[in-house]
Amino acid sequence: MYFLETKEIVKQYANHRALNGVSIHVPCGKIFGLLGPNGAGKTTLIRIINRITAPDEGEVFMDGRLYRPSDIYRIGYLPEERGLYRKMKVGEQAVYLARLKGLPAAEAKRRLMRWFEKFGIVSWWNKKLEELSKGMQQKIQFIVTVIHDPELLIFDEPFSGFDPVNTEQLKREILELKNAGRTIIFSTHNMASVEEICDDIALINKSEVVLSGNMDEVRNRFKSNTFNVSVINDKFEPSPDIFTVLSEKAGSNHTLEIRIRKEKEMTNSELLNVLTQKHEIFSFAEELPSMNEVFLKAVCDAQ
């Protein structure tokens, strides 16, 4: 079941078409990666989902029905461009923003203190935002985004400005939100993060979706029939009609590490059987492309 869908969304700005028939399908309780190069249309789509702007054509659905204005209260949005008040005290504005999302003042403060304690930032409560580093400010923005316990969370470049330690902390929090049943749209240029936390993706390029689906299935679509094989032997016998040897080097435990590309149409089991007839196999694994490689190839193919 899909928590959120967009169907054939079109958005035109003067002479620029920001979105051209964009459809995405965000499964319930999953982390959905919204990917694409700069200027592809991701932010425009996010703004439409958040009702900041309206599409010229197309529709947005939530829970299988047309998106209603009141559904905005079911969403938490962390924009790439942060929007907190620099001269205002951290705790004061956090309570204020939580109240705008429908929480009573006492409940807002109770929830905020729990998050501040979790992040170890209680001492920031009475500081002005401008006294904090960019990363510290981003923690506050994250807390304000999730404080009303929304069903759908949209994070646009959430790790921007974070050091590796704080990035890992935020990743853990995002995964905890998923495990609690929340649906998450995660927009980023960091493909390593996509591999770590996303279940499904859609790649937008030049205002159109050029690639979408389950992340593992997407990576399999771009595989090159390349395998990494370790054999317990000091000599490897090639079979040019079946596979091509791409590289060969000595490994540990008296093994030889071979990288091969399958040339003949056969299953992986059949290839392994061919290898085991001549060699004692220590390990055998198919090499799948990274999401960064998938991203680059999909964007280049769409040029």
C-alpha atoms as a PDB file:
ATOM      1  CA  MET A   1       0.000   0.000   0.000  1.00  0.00           C
ATOM      2  CA  TYR A   2       1.185   3.507  -0.817  1.00  0.00           C
ATOM      3  CA  PHE A   3       1.025   6.249   1.788  1.00  0.00           C
ATOM      4  CA  LEU A   4       1.540   8.996  -0.778  1.00  0.00           C
ATOM      5  CA  GLU A   5       1.347   9.149  -4.566  1.00  0.00           C
ATOM      6  CA  THR A   6       1.752  11.883  -7.115  1.00  0.00           C
ATOM      7  CA  LYS A   7       0.204  11.317 -10.531  1.00  0.00           C
ATOM      8  CA  GLU A   8       1.349  13.134 -13.664  1.00  0.00           C
ATOM      9  CA  ILE A   9       2.380  16.316 -11.844  1.00  0.00           C
ATOM     10  CA  VAL A  10       3.181  19.273 -14.101  1.00  0.00           C
ATOM     11  CA  LYS A  11       4.562  22.608 -12.909  1.00  0.00           C
ATOM     12  CA  GLN A  12       5.521  25.441 -15.224  1.00  0.00           C
ATOM     13  CA  TYR A  13       7.422  28.601 -14.210  1.00  0.00           C
ATOM     14  CA  ALA A  14       7.464  31.194 -17.037  1.00  0.00           C
ATOM     15  CA  ASN A  15       9.684  29.542 -19.671  1.00  0.00           C
ATOM     16  CA  HIS A  16      10.840  26.687 -17.443  1.00  0.00           C
ATOM     17  CA  ARG A  17       8.932  23.433 -16.923  1.00  0.00           C
ATOM     18  CA  ALA A  18      10.033  22.313 -13.438  1.00  0.00           C
ATOM     19  CA  LEU A  19       8.026  19.078 -13.479  1.00  0.00           C
ATOM     20  CA  ASN A  20       6.761  17.226 -16.531  1.00  0.00           C
ATOM     21  CA  GLY A  21       4.304  14.437 -15.733  1.00  0.00           C
ATOM     22  CA  VAL A  22       6.011  13.286 -12.520  1.00  0.00           C
ATOM     23  CA  SER A  23       4.524  10.268 -10.754  1.00  0.00           C
ATOM     24  CA  ILE A  24       6.006   8.754  -7.594  1.00  0.00           C
ATOM     25  CA  HIS A  25       4.707   6.035  -5.267  1.00  0.00           C
ATOM     26  CA  VAL A  26       5.815   6.158  -1.629  1.00  0.00           C
ATOM     27  CA  PRO A  27       5.124   2.880   0.271  1.00  0.00           C
ATOM     28  CA  CYS A  28       3.792   2.973   3.834  1.00  0.00           C
ATOM     29  CA  GLY A  29       6.427   2.644   6.550  1.00  0.00           C
ATOM     30  CA  LYS A  30       9.392   2.831   4.176  1.00  0.00           C
ATOM     31  CA  ILE A  31      12.203   5.294   3.486  1.00  0.00           C
ATOM     32  CA  PHE A  32      11.782   6.644  -0.022  1.00  0.00           C
ATOM     33  CA  GLY A  33      14.803   8.286  -1.658  1.00  0.00           C
ATOM     34  CA  LEU A  34      13.948  11.252  -3.884  1.00  0.00           C
ATOM     35  CA  LEU A  35      17.075  11.723  -5.962  1.00  0.00           C
ATOM     36  CA  GLY A  36      18.318  13.882  -8.804  1.00  0.00           C
ATOM     37  CA  PRO A  37      20.917  16.453  -9.826  1.00  0.00           C
ATOM     38  CA  ASN A  38      20.573  20.131  -8.967  1.00  0.00           C
ATOM     39  CA  GLY A  39      17.660  21.756 -10.789  1.00  0.00           C
ATOM     40  CA  ALA A  40      15.990  18.432 -11.604  1.00  0.00           C
ATOM     41  CA  GLY A  41      12.685  19.359  -9.926  1.00  0.00           C
ATOM     42  CA  LYS A  42      12.932  17.606  -6.545  1.00  0.00           C
ATOM     43  CA  THR A  43      12.360  20.733  -4.443  1.00  0.00           C
ATOM     44  CA  THR A  44       9.397  21.783  -6.591  1.00  0.00           C
ATOM     45  CA  LEU A  45       7.789  18.371  -6.034  1.00  0.00           C
ATOM     46  CA  ILE A  46       8.425  18.582  -2.282  1.00  0.00           C
ATOM     47  CA  ARG A  47       6.848  22.061  -2.207  1.00  0.00           C
ATOM     48  CA  ILE A  48       3.756  20.688  -3.956  1.00  0.00           C
ATOM     49  CA  ILE A  49       3.462  17.805  -1.469  1.00  0.00           C
ATOM     50  CA  ASN A  50       3.699  20.351   1.354  1.00  0.00           C
ATOM     51  CA  ARG A  51       1.032  22.558  -0.287  1.00  0.00           C
ATOM     52  CA  ILE A  52       3.486  25.459  -0.469  1.00  0.00           C
ATOM     53  CA  THR A  53       2.663  25.657  -4.156  1.00  0.00           C
ATOM     54  CA  ALA A  54       0.088  23.948  -6.366  1.00  0.00           C
ATOM     55  CA  PRO A  55       0.595  21.850  -9.492  1.00  0.00           C
ATOM     56  CA  ASP A  56      -0.605  23.120 -12.850  1.00  0.00           C
ATOM     57  CA  GLU A  57      -1.704  19.598 -13.738  1.00  0.00           C
ATOM     58  CA  GLY A  58      -1.853  16.257 -11.956  1.00  0.00           C
ATOM     59  CA  GLU A  59      -2.960  15.149  -8.505  1.00  0.00           C
ATOM     60  CA  VAL A  60      -1.563  14.116  -5.124  1.00  0.00           C
ATOM     61  CA  PHE A  61      -3.066  11.176  -3.230  1.00  0.00           C
ATOM     62  CA  MET A  62      -2.692  10.201   0.417  1.00  0.00           C
ATOM     63  CA  ASP A  63      -3.955   6.856   1.726  1.00  0.00           C
ATOM     64  CA  GLY A  64      -5.417   6.143  -1.710  1.00  0.00           C
ATOM     65  CA  ARG A  65      -7.634   9.263  -1.806  1.00  0.00           C
ATOM     66  CA  LEU A  66      -7.187  12.816  -3.014  1.00  0.00           C
ATOM     67  CA  TYR A  67      -4.940  14.883  -0.783  1.00  0.00           C
ATOM     68  CA  ARG A  68      -6.913  17.219   1.520  1.00  0.00           C
ATOM     69  CA  PRO A  69      -5.749  20.569   2.973  1.00  0.00           C
ATOM     70  CA  SER A  70      -6.025  19.118   6.511  1.00  0.00           C
ATOM     71  CA  ASP A  71      -3.503  16.369   5.593  1.00  0.00           C
ATOM     72  CA  ILE A  72      -0.695  18.907   5.941  1.00  0.00           C
ATOM     73  CA  TYR A  73      -0.853  18.333   9.722  1.00  0.00           C
ATOM     74  CA  ARG A  74       0.173  14.717   9.072  1.00  0.00           C
ATOM     75  CA  ILE A  75       3.468  15.877   7.549  1.00  0.00           C
ATOM     76  CA  GLY A  76       6.768  16.995   9.083  1.00  0.00           C
ATOM     77  CA  TYR A  77       9.043  18.868   6.683  1.00  0.00           C
ATOM     78  CA  LEU A  78      12.748  19.612   7.164  1.00  0.00           C
ATOM     79  CA  PRO A  79      13.705  21.933   4.270  1.00  0.00           C
ATOM     80  CA  GLU A  80      17.201  22.247   2.874  1.00  0.00           C
ATOM     81  CA  GLU A  81      17.077  25.971   3.581  1.00  0.00           C
ATOM     82  CA  ARG A  82      16.547  26.211   7.332  1.00  0.00           C
ATOM     83  CA  GLY A  83      13.935  28.650   8.656  1.00  0.00           C
ATOM     84  CA  LEU A  84      14.468  29.273  12.376  1.00  0.00           C
ATOM     85  CA  TYR A  85      14.615  32.725  13.965  1.00  0.00           C
ATOM     86  CA  ARG A  86      18.221  33.583  14.782  1.00  0.00           C
ATOM     87  CA  LYS A  87      17.475  36.186  17.489  1.00  0.00           C
ATOM     88  CA  MET A  88      14.916  34.074  19.336  1.00  0.00           C
ATOM     89  CA  LYS A  89      15.764  31.713  22.201  1.00  0.00           C
ATOM     90  CA  VAL A  90      15.908  28.059  21.204  1.00  0.00           C
ATOM     91  CA  GLY A  91      13.360  26.690  23.693  1.00  0.00           C
ATOM     92  CA  GLU A  92      10.945  29.582  23.211  1.00  0.00           C
ATOM     93  CA  GLN A  93      10.774  29.237  19.451  1.00  0.00           C
ATOM     94  CA  ALA A  94      10.674  25.427  19.582  1.00  0.00           C
ATOM     95  CA  VAL A  95       7.549  25.637  21.774  1.00  0.00           C
ATOM     96  CA  TYR A  96       6.084  28.268  19.462  1.00  0.00           C
ATOM     97  CA  LEU A  97       6.633  26.134  16.342  1.00  0.00           C
ATOM     98  CA  ALA A  98       5.260  23.024  18.081  1.00  0.00           C
ATOM     99  CA  ARG A  99       2.107  24.949  18.982  1.00  0.00           C
ATOM    100  CA  LEU A 100       1.682  25.963  15.337  1.00  0.00           C
ATOM    101  CA  LYS A 101       1.531  22.234  14.630  1.00  0.00           C
ATOM    102  CA  GLY A 102      -1.359  21.790  17.045  1.00  0.00           C
ATOM    103  CA  LEU A 103       0.331  20.868  20.320  1.00  0.00           C
ATOM    104  CA  PRO A 104      -0.756  22.526  23.603  1.00  0.00           C
ATOM    105  CA  ALA A 105       2.068  24.488  25.250  1.00  0.00           C
ATOM    106  CA  ALA A 106       2.557  22.078  28.180  1.00  0.00           C
ATOM    107  CA  GLU A 107       2.605  19.015  25.908  1.00  0.00           C
ATOM    108  CA  ALA A 108       4.959  20.775  23.480  1.00  0.00           C
ATOM    109  CA  LYS A 109       7.436  21.541  26.258  1.00  0.00           C
ATOM    110  CA  ARG A 110       7.218  17.996  27.649  1.00  0.00           C
ATOM    111  CA  ARG A 111       7.981  16.458  24.248  1.00  0.00           C
ATOM    112  CA  LEU A 112      10.708  18.973  23.487  1.00  0.00           C
ATOM    113  CA  MET A 113      12.494  18.327  26.769  1.00  0.00           C
ATOM    114  CA  ARG A 114      12.473  14.603  26.032  1.00  0.00           C
ATOM    115  CA  TRP A 115      14.136  15.238  22.648  1.00  0.00           C
ATOM    116  CA  PHE A 116      16.586  17.770  24.098  1.00  0.00           C
ATOM    117  CA  GLU A 117      17.627  15.217  26.725  1.00  0.00           C
ATOM    118  CA  LYS A 118      17.961  12.518  24.071  1.00  0.00           C
ATOM    119  CA  PHE A 119      20.271  14.751  22.018  1.00  0.00           C
ATOM    120  CA  GLY A 120      22.134  16.009  25.096  1.00  0.00           C
ATOM    121  CA  ILE A 121      21.280  19.645  24.373  1.00  0.00           C
ATOM    122  CA  VAL A 122      19.187  20.734  27.384  1.00  0.00           C
ATOM    123  CA  SER A 123      21.747  23.478  28.080  1.00  0.00           C
ATOM    124  CA  TRP A 124      20.810  25.108  24.758  1.00  0.00           C
ATOM    125  CA  TRP A 125      17.223  25.825  25.838  1.00  0.00           C
ATOM    126  CA  ASN A 126      17.794  29.480  26.798  1.00  0.00           C
ATOM    127  CA  LYS A 127      20.434  30.285  24.166  1.00  0.00           C
ATOM    128  CA  LYS A 128      19.690  32.350  21.098  1.00  0.00           C
ATOM    129  CA  LEU A 129      19.858  30.401  17.873  1.00  0.00           C
ATOM    130  CA  GLU A 130      22.625  32.628  16.503  1.00  0.00           C
ATOM    131  CA  GLU A 131      24.891  31.420  19.331  1.00  0.00           C
ATOM    132  CA  LEU A 132      24.791  27.863  17.962  1.00  0.00           C
ATOM    133  CA  SER A 133      26.791  26.295  15.149  1.00  0.00           C
ATOM    134  CA  LYS A 134      25.094  25.305  11.900  1.00  0.00           C
ATOM    135  CA  GLY A 135      25.030  21.657  12.980  1.00  0.00           C
ATOM    136  CA  MET A 136      23.510  22.523  16.361  1.00  0.00           C
ATOM    137  CA  GLN A 137      20.851  24.645  14.659  1.00  0.00           C
ATOM    138  CA  GLN A 138      20.061  21.711  12.408  1.00  0.00           C
ATOM    139  CA  LYS A 139      19.427  19.471  15.416  1.00  0.00           C
ATOM    140  CA  ILE A 140      16.848  21.985  16.652  1.00  0.00           C
ATOM    141  CA  GLN A 141      15.240  22.065  13.206  1.00  0.00           C
ATOM    142  CA  PHE A 142      15.090  18.256  13.152  1.00  0.00           C
ATOM    143  CA  ILE A 143      13.400  18.158  16.569  1.00  0.00           C
ATOM    144  CA  VAL A 144      10.842  20.775  15.513  1.00  0.00           C
ATOM    145  CA  THR A 145      10.138  18.712  12.372  1.00  0.00           C
ATOM    146  CA  VAL A 146       9.273  15.519  14.270  1.00  0.00           C
ATOM    147  CA  ILE A 147       7.785  16.979  17.465  1.00  0.00           C
ATOM    148  CA  HIS A 148       4.109  16.614  16.475  1.00  0.00           C
ATOM    149  CA  ASP A 149       4.650  12.917  15.624  1.00  0.00           C
ATOM    150  CA  PRO A 150       3.726  13.194  11.919  1.00  0.00           C
ATOM    151  CA  GLU A 151       2.930  10.116   9.839  1.00  0.00           C
ATOM    152  CA  LEU A 152       4.940  11.381   6.850  1.00  0.00           C
ATOM    153  CA  LEU A 153       8.373  12.974   7.266  1.00  0.00           C
ATOM    154  CA  ILE A 154      10.151  14.791   4.458  1.00  0.00           C
ATOM    155  CA  PHE A 155      13.871  15.391   4.955  1.00  0.00           C
ATOM    156  CA  ASP A 156      15.620  17.528   2.333  1.00  0.00           C
ATOM    157  CA  GLU A 157      19.418  17.159   2.693  1.00  0.00           C
ATOM    158  CA  PRO A 158      19.121  16.486   6.454  1.00  0.00           C
ATOM    159  CA  PHE A 159      22.860  15.808   6.961  1.00  0.00           C
ATOM    160  CA  SER A 160      24.069  19.100   5.506  1.00  0.00           C
ATOM    161  CA  GLY A 161      26.378  20.808   8.006  1.00  0.00           C
ATOM    162  CA  PHE A 162      26.794  17.746  10.236  1.00  0.00           C
ATOM    163  CA  ASP A 163      30.080  16.116  11.196  1.00  0.00           C
ATOM    164  CA  PRO A 164      30.306  12.286  10.866  1.00  0.00           C
ATOM    165  CA  VAL A 165      29.353  11.641  14.527  1.00  0.00           C
ATOM    166  CA  ASN A 166      26.202  13.754  14.369  1.00  0.00           C
ATOM    167  CA  THR A 167      25.361  12.381  10.924  1.00  0.00           C
ATOM    168  CA  GLU A 168      25.354   8.859  12.356  1.00  0.00           C
ATOM    169  CA  GLN A 169      23.155   9.982  15.258  1.00  0.00           C
ATOM    170  CA  LEU A 170      20.631  11.500  12.875  1.00  0.00           C
ATOM    171  CA  LYS A 171      20.654   8.375  10.686  1.00  0.00           C
ATOM    172  CA  ARG A 172      19.832   6.285  13.757  1.00  0.00           C
ATOM    173  CA  GLU A 173      16.953   8.610  14.611  1.00  0.00           C
ATOM    174  CA  ILE A 174      15.573   8.395  11.071  1.00  0.00           C
ATOM    175  CA  LEU A 175      15.751   4.586  11.158  1.00  0.00           C
ATOM    176  CA  GLU A 176      14.028   4.576  14.565  1.00  0.00           C
ATOM    177  CA  LEU A 177      11.214   6.682  13.091  1.00  0.00           C
ATOM    178  CA  LYS A 178      10.867   4.157  10.271  1.00  0.00           C
ATOM    179  CA  ASN A 179      10.793   1.277  12.765  1.00  0.00           C
ATOM    180  CA  ALA A 180       8.025   3.138  14.612  1.00  0.00           C
ATOM    181  CA  GLY A 181       5.938   2.984  11.424  1.00  0.00           C
ATOM    182  CA  ARG A 182       6.589   6.421   9.960  1.00  0.00           C
ATOM    183  CA  THR A 183       6.836   6.941   6.206  1.00  0.00           C
ATOM    184  CA  ILE A 184       9.852   9.008   5.136  1.00  0.00           C
ATOM    185  CA  ILE A 185      10.818  10.879   1.971  1.00  0.00           C
ATOM    186  CA  PHE A 186      14.571  11.412   1.973  1.00  0.00           C
ATOM    187  CA  SER A 187      16.045  13.829  -0.563  1.00  0.00           C
ATOM    188  CA  THR A 188      19.822  13.959  -0.855  1.00  0.00           C
ATOM    189  CA  HIS A 189      22.833  14.045  -3.170  1.00  0.00           C
ATOM    190  CA  ASN A 190      24.740  11.658  -0.882  1.00  0.00           C
ATOM    191  CA  MET A 191      24.397   8.257  -2.552  1.00  0.00           C
ATOM    192  CA  ALA A 192      26.207   6.463   0.285  1.00  0.00           C
ATOM    193  CA  SER A 193      23.421   7.556   2.646  1.00  0.00           C
ATOM    194  CA  VAL A 194      20.829   6.343   0.139  1.00  0.00           C
ATOM    195  CA  GLU A 195      22.391   2.869   0.129  1.00  0.00           C
ATOM    196  CA  GLU A 196      22.409   2.789   3.925  1.00  0.00           C
ATOM    197  CA  ILE A 197      18.842   3.774   4.695  1.00  0.00           C
ATOM    198  CA  CYS A 198      16.529   3.852   1.639  1.00  0.00           C
ATOM    199  CA  ASP A 199      14.111   1.079   0.656  1.00  0.00           C
ATOM    200  CA  ASP A 200      12.786   2.589  -2.590  1.00  0.00           C
ATOM    201  CA  ILE A 201      13.910   5.438  -4.830  1.00  0.00           C
ATOM    202  CA  ALA A 202      12.800   7.725  -7.625  1.00  0.00           C
ATOM    203  CA  LEU A 203      15.390   9.568  -9.688  1.00  0.00           C
ATOM    204  CA  ILE A 204      14.252  12.825 -11.296  1.00  0.00           C
ATOM    205  CA  ASN A 205      16.303  14.331 -14.116  1.00  0.00           C
ATOM    206  CA  LYS A 206      15.341  17.281 -16.315  1.00  0.00           C
ATOM    207  CA  SER A 207      11.873  17.456 -14.719  1.00  0.00           C
ATOM    208  CA  GLU A 208      10.969  13.800 -15.328  1.00  0.00           C
ATOM    209  CA  VAL A 209      11.272  10.509 -13.432  1.00  0.00           C
ATOM    210  CA  VAL A 210      13.936   8.500 -15.249  1.00  0.00           C
ATOM    211  CA  LEU A 211      14.293   5.644 -12.760  1.00  0.00           C
ATOM    212  CA  SER A 212      12.216   4.282  -9.868  1.00  0.00           C
ATOM    213  CA  GLY A 213      11.604   1.164  -7.812  1.00  0.00           C
ATOM    214  CA  ASN A 214      12.942  -0.911  -4.943  1.00  0.00           C
ATOM    215  CA  MET A 215      16.591   0.002  -4.416  1.00  0.00           C
ATOM    216  CA  ASP A 216      17.942  -3.562  -4.668  1.00  0.00           C
ATOM    217  CA  GLU A 217      15.915  -4.152  -7.838  1.00  0.00           C
ATOM    218  CA  VAL A 218      17.215  -0.899  -9.312  1.00  0.00           C
ATOM    219  CA  ARG A 219      20.835  -1.873  -8.606  1.00  0.00           C
ATOM    220  CA  ASN A 220      20.203  -5.278 -10.215  1.00  0.00           C
ATOM    221  CA  ARG A 221      18.934  -3.565 -13.372  1.00  0.00           C
ATOM    222  CA  PHE A 222      22.333  -1.908 -13.767  1.00  0.00           C
ATOM    223  CA  LYS A 223      24.535  -4.894 -12.957  1.00  0.00           C
ATOM    224  CA  SER A 224      27.251  -5.792 -15.460  1.00  0.00           C
ATOM    225  CA  ASN A 225      27.502  -9.578 -14.911  1.00  0.00           C
ATOM    226  CA  THR A 226      30.728  -9.055 -12.980  1.00  0.00           C
ATOM    227  CA  PHE A 227      31.790 -11.417 -10.185  1.00  0.00           C
ATOM    228  CA  ASN A 228      34.478 -11.512  -7.517  1.00  0.00           C
ATOM    229  CA  VAL A 229      35.848 -15.031  -7.017  1.00  0.00           C
ATOM    230  CA  SER A 230      38.465 -16.330  -4.582  1.00  0.00           C
ATOM    231  CA  VAL A 231      40.052 -19.660  -5.433  1.00  0.00           C
ATOM    232  CA  ILE A 232      42.392 -21.761  -3.323  1.00  0.00           C
ATOM    233  CA  ASN A 233      44.971 -22.256  -6.015  1.00  0.00           C
ATOM    234  CA  ASP A 234      48.079 -20.622  -7.411  1.00  0.00           C
ATOM    235  CA  LYS A 235      46.800 -20.729 -10.979  1.00  0.00           C
ATOM    236  CA  PHE A 236      43.441 -19.798 -12.483  1.00  0.00           C
ATOM    237  CA  GLU A 237      42.291 -21.394 -15.716  1.00  0.00           C
ATOM    238  CA  PRO A 238      40.393 -18.961 -17.985  1.00  0.00           C
ATOM    239  CA  SER A 239      37.346 -19.975 -20.024  1.00  0.00           C
ATOM    240  CA  PRO A 240      37.033 -17.181 -22.607  1.00  0.00           C
ATOM    241  CA  ASP A 241      33.863 -18.605 -24.130  1.00  0.00           C
ATOM    242  CA  ILE A 242      32.157 -18.446 -20.704  1.00  0.00           C
ATOM    243  CA  PHE A 243      33.809 -15.532 -18.871  1.00  0.00           C
ATOM    244  CA  THR A 244      36.475 -12.865 -19.275  1.00  0.00           C
ATOM    245  CA  VAL A 245      39.119 -12.325 -16.599  1.00  0.00           C
ATOM    246  CA  LEU A 246      39.180  -8.614 -15.700  1.00  0.00           C
ATOM    247  CA  SER A 247      41.811  -8.720 -12.949  1.00  0.00           C
ATOM    248  CA  GLU A 248      43.789 -11.156 -10.835  1.00  0.00           C
ATOM    249  CA  LYS A 249      45.776 -10.705  -7.632  1.00  0.00           C
ATOM    250  CA  ALA A 250      47.076 -12.698  -4.678  1.00  0.00           C
ATOM    251  CA  GLY A 251      44.786 -12.749  -1.659  1.00  0.00           C
ATOM    252  CA  SER A 252      45.044 -13.886   1.945  1.00  0.00           C
ATOM    253  CA  ASN A 253      44.761 -17.501   3.165  1.00  0.00           C
ATOM    254  CA  HIS A 254      46.643 -18.753   0.068  1.00  0.00           C
ATOM    255  CA  THR A 255      43.901 -17.583  -2.261  1.00  0.00           C
ATOM    256  CA  LEU A 256      43.830 -15.920  -5.635  1.00  0.00           C
ATOM    257  CA  GLU A 257      41.346 -13.035  -6.028  1.00  0.00           C
ATOM    258  CA  ILE A 258      39.811 -12.986  -9.509  1.00  0.00           C
ATOM    259  CA  ARG A 259      37.385 -10.487 -11.015  1.00  0.00           C
ATOM    260  CA  ILE A 260      35.497 -11.928 -13.985  1.00  0.00           C
ATOM    261  CA  ARG A 261      32.697 -10.897 -16.338  1.00  0.00           C
ATOM    262  CA  LYS A 262      30.194 -13.511 -17.457  1.00  0.00           C
ATOM    263  CA  GLU A 263      29.988 -13.667 -21.270  1.00  0.00           C
ATOM    264  CA  LYS A 264      27.691 -16.633 -21.805  1.00  0.00           C
ATOM    265  CA  GLU A 265      23.974 -16.581 -20.998  1.00  0.00           C
ATOM    266  CA  MET A 266      23.769 -18.762 -17.892  1.00  0.00           C
ATOM    267  CA  THR A 267      22.572 -18.615 -14.298  1.00  0.00           C
ATOM    268  CA  ASN A 268      24.912 -17.738 -11.463  1.00  0.00           C
ATOM    269  CA  SER A 269      24.604 -21.323 -10.212  1.00  0.00           C
ATOM    270  CA  GLU A 270      25.708 -22.639 -13.605  1.00  0.00           C
ATOM    271  CA  LEU A 271      28.694 -20.290 -13.613  1.00  0.00           C
ATOM    272  CA  LEU A 272      29.657 -21.400 -10.119  1.00  0.00           C
ATOM    273  CA  ASN A 273      29.388 -25.034 -11.224  1.00  0.00           C
ATOM    274  CA  VAL A 274      31.810 -24.367 -14.113  1.00  0.00           C
ATOM    275  CA  LEU A 275      34.298 -22.805 -11.692  1.00  0.00           C
ATOM    276  CA  THR A 276      34.046 -25.581  -9.095  1.00  0.00           C
ATOM    277  CA  GLN A 277      34.859 -28.203 -11.714  1.00  0.00           C
ATOM    278  CA  LYS A 278      38.378 -26.719 -11.996  1.00  0.00           C
ATOM    279  CA  HIS A 279      38.972 -24.915  -8.713  1.00  0.00           C
ATOM    280  CA  GLU A 280      38.295 -25.061  -5.012  1.00  0.00           C
ATOM    281  CA  ILE A 281      36.191 -21.936  -4.409  1.00  0.00           C
ATOM    282  CA  PHE A 282      36.843 -19.907  -1.274  1.00  0.00           C
ATOM    283  CA  SER A 283      34.237 -17.212  -2.043  1.00  0.00           C
ATOM    284  CA  PHE A 284      31.944 -16.195  -4.905  1.00  0.00           C
ATOM    285  CA  ALA A 285      29.899 -12.982  -5.095  1.00  0.00           C
ATOM    286  CA  GLU A 286      28.225 -10.968  -7.816  1.00  0.00           C
ATOM    287  CA  GLU A 287      29.341  -7.345  -7.993  1.00  0.00           C
ATOM    288  CA  LEU A 288      26.414  -4.913  -7.934  1.00  0.00           C
ATOM    289  CA  PRO A 289      26.857  -1.246  -8.862  1.00  0.00           C
ATOM    290  CA  SER A 290      26.822   1.372  -6.114  1.00  0.00           C
ATOM    291  CA  MET A 291      23.951   3.856  -6.071  1.00  0.00           C
ATOM    292  CA  ASN A 292      26.446   6.506  -7.117  1.00  0.00           C
ATOM    293  CA  GLU A 293      27.244   4.482 -10.250  1.00  0.00           C
ATOM    294  CA  VAL A 294      23.520   3.932 -10.900  1.00  0.00           C
ATOM    295  CA  PHE A 295      22.860   7.659 -10.443  1.00  0.00           C
ATOM    296  CA  LEU A 296      25.615   8.674 -12.882  1.00  0.00           C
ATOM    297  CA  LYS A 297      24.610   6.125 -15.524  1.00  0.00           C
ATOM    298  CA  ALA A 298      20.885   6.923 -15.333  1.00  0.00           C
ATOM    299  CA  VAL A 299      21.521  10.668 -15.588  1.00  0.00           C
ATOM    300  CA  CYS A 300      24.026  10.276 -18.436  1.00  0.00           C
ATOM    301  CA  ASP A 301      21.721   7.893 -20.340  1.00  0.00           C
ATOM    302  CA  ALA A 302      18.921  10.470 -20.070  1.00  0.00           C
ATOM    303  CA  GLN A 303      21.050  13.273 -21.586  1.00  0.00           C
END
